[in-house]
């Protein structure tokens, strides 16, 4: 699994680095968190869905100390931007 190889190599090179990873399921999440001290998240949407990145990015920003209000603003801005994009894509043709 690519995530495992990447996390193991990062952990080896940077033992004190805070690492965020996408886990394939709850068992994988638990394994990453317990064995490699990683902040792991399981996607709730299909992997090819662009919206998947928003909660993951928000969790990373919060963990790095960004104020919750700024994270919420970023989230709503991205949702608004995606709505405009899809509206244009489907109705401007």
Protein backbone atom coordinates (compact mmCIF):
# COMPACT_ATOMS: atom_id res chain seq x y z
CA UNK A 1 0.00 0.00 0.00
CA UNK A 2 1.44 3.36 -1.08
CA UNK A 3 0.34 5.19 2.06
CA UNK A 4 2.20 2.75 4.28
CA UNK A 5 5.45 3.05 2.32
CA UNK A 6 5.26 6.85 2.26
CA UNK A 7 4.51 7.10 5.99
CA UNK A 8 7.22 4.61 6.98
CA UNK A 9 9.81 6.50 4.91
CA UNK A 10 8.72 9.89 6.27
CA UNK A 11 8.76 8.60 9.84
CA UNK A 12 12.25 7.14 9.32
CA UNK A 13 13.61 10.41 7.89
CA UNK A 14 11.72 12.76 10.19
CA UNK A 15 10.93 11.02 13.49
CA UNK A 16 9.39 14.15 15.08
CA UNK A 17 7.34 15.30 12.08
CA UNK A 18 3.58 15.50 12.47
CA UNK A 19 2.28 13.32 9.61
CA UNK A 20 -1.25 13.32 8.18
CA UNK A 21 -2.38 10.39 6.06
CA UNK A 22 -5.49 9.10 4.36
CA UNK A 23 -6.41 5.61 5.57
CA UNK A 24 -8.43 3.15 3.51
CA UNK A 25 -10.62 2.00 6.43
CA UNK A 26 -10.86 2.13 10.23
CA UNK A 27 -8.44 -0.78 10.72
CA UNK A 28 -5.85 0.91 8.54
CA UNK A 29 -6.45 4.17 10.42
CA UNK A 30 -5.88 2.50 13.78
CA UNK A 31 -2.72 0.76 12.53
CA UNK A 32 -1.27 4.03 11.21
CA UNK A 33 -2.09 5.89 14.40
CA UNK A 34 -0.79 3.27 16.83
CA UNK A 35 2.31 1.98 15.05
CA UNK A 36 3.55 5.08 13.26
CA UNK A 37 2.09 7.93 15.35
CA UNK A 38 0.22 9.40 12.38
CA UNK A 39 -2.93 11.52 12.24
CA UNK A 40 -4.97 9.26 9.94
CA UNK A 41 -8.38 9.94 8.44
CA UNK A 42 -10.74 7.61 6.63
CA UNK A 43 -12.51 9.20 3.65
CA UNK A 44 -16.28 9.27 3.81
CA UNK A 45 -16.68 9.89 0.07
CA UNK A 46 -15.39 7.99 -2.95
CA UNK A 47 -11.68 8.64 -3.50
CA UNK A 48 -12.17 10.35 -6.85
CA UNK A 49 -14.51 12.93 -5.28
CA UNK A 50 -12.96 16.41 -5.00
CA UNK A 51 -14.98 17.14 -1.86
CA UNK A 52 -12.97 14.48 -0.05
CA UNK A 53 -10.06 16.87 0.31
CA UNK A 54 -12.02 19.53 2.21
CA UNK A 55 -12.50 17.79 5.60
CA UNK A 56 -8.98 16.36 5.41
CA UNK A 57 -7.50 19.79 4.68
CA UNK A 58 -9.56 21.34 7.47
CA UNK A 59 -8.28 18.78 9.97
CA UNK A 60 -4.70 19.49 8.91
CA UNK A 61 -5.19 23.26 9.25
CA UNK A 62 -6.78 22.91 12.70
CA UNK A 63 -4.03 20.57 13.86
CA UNK A 64 -1.41 23.07 12.74
CA UNK A 65 -3.05 25.75 14.87
CA UNK A 66 -5.28 27.62 12.42
CA UNK A 67 -8.25 29.23 14.17
CA UNK A 68 -11.46 27.23 13.72
CA UNK A 69 -13.26 30.26 12.24
CA UNK A 70 -10.63 30.62 9.50
CA UNK A 71 -10.87 26.92 8.70
CA UNK A 72 -14.67 27.19 8.43
CA UNK A 73 -14.35 30.21 6.15
CA UNK A 74 -11.93 28.32 3.90
CA UNK A 75 -14.30 25.36 3.80
CA UNK A 76 -17.33 27.48 2.87
CA UNK A 77 -15.33 29.41 0.28
CA UNK A 78 -14.23 26.16 -1.40
CA UNK A 79 -17.77 24.76 -1.38
CA UNK A 80 -19.04 28.00 -2.92
CA UNK A 81 -16.27 27.94 -5.53
CA UNK A 82 -17.05 24.31 -6.43
CA UNK A 83 -20.75 25.11 -6.76
CA UNK A 84 -19.93 27.96 -9.15
CA UNK A 85 -17.59 25.71 -11.12
CA UNK A 86 -20.17 22.94 -11.52
CA UNK A 87 -22.90 25.44 -12.34
CA UNK A 88 -20.72 26.88 -15.10
CA UNK A 89 -19.74 23.41 -16.29
CA UNK A 90 -23.33 22.20 -16.65
CA UNK A 91 -25.19 25.37 -17.64
CA UNK A 92 -22.74 27.46 -19.64
CA UNK A 93 -22.31 24.92 -22.41
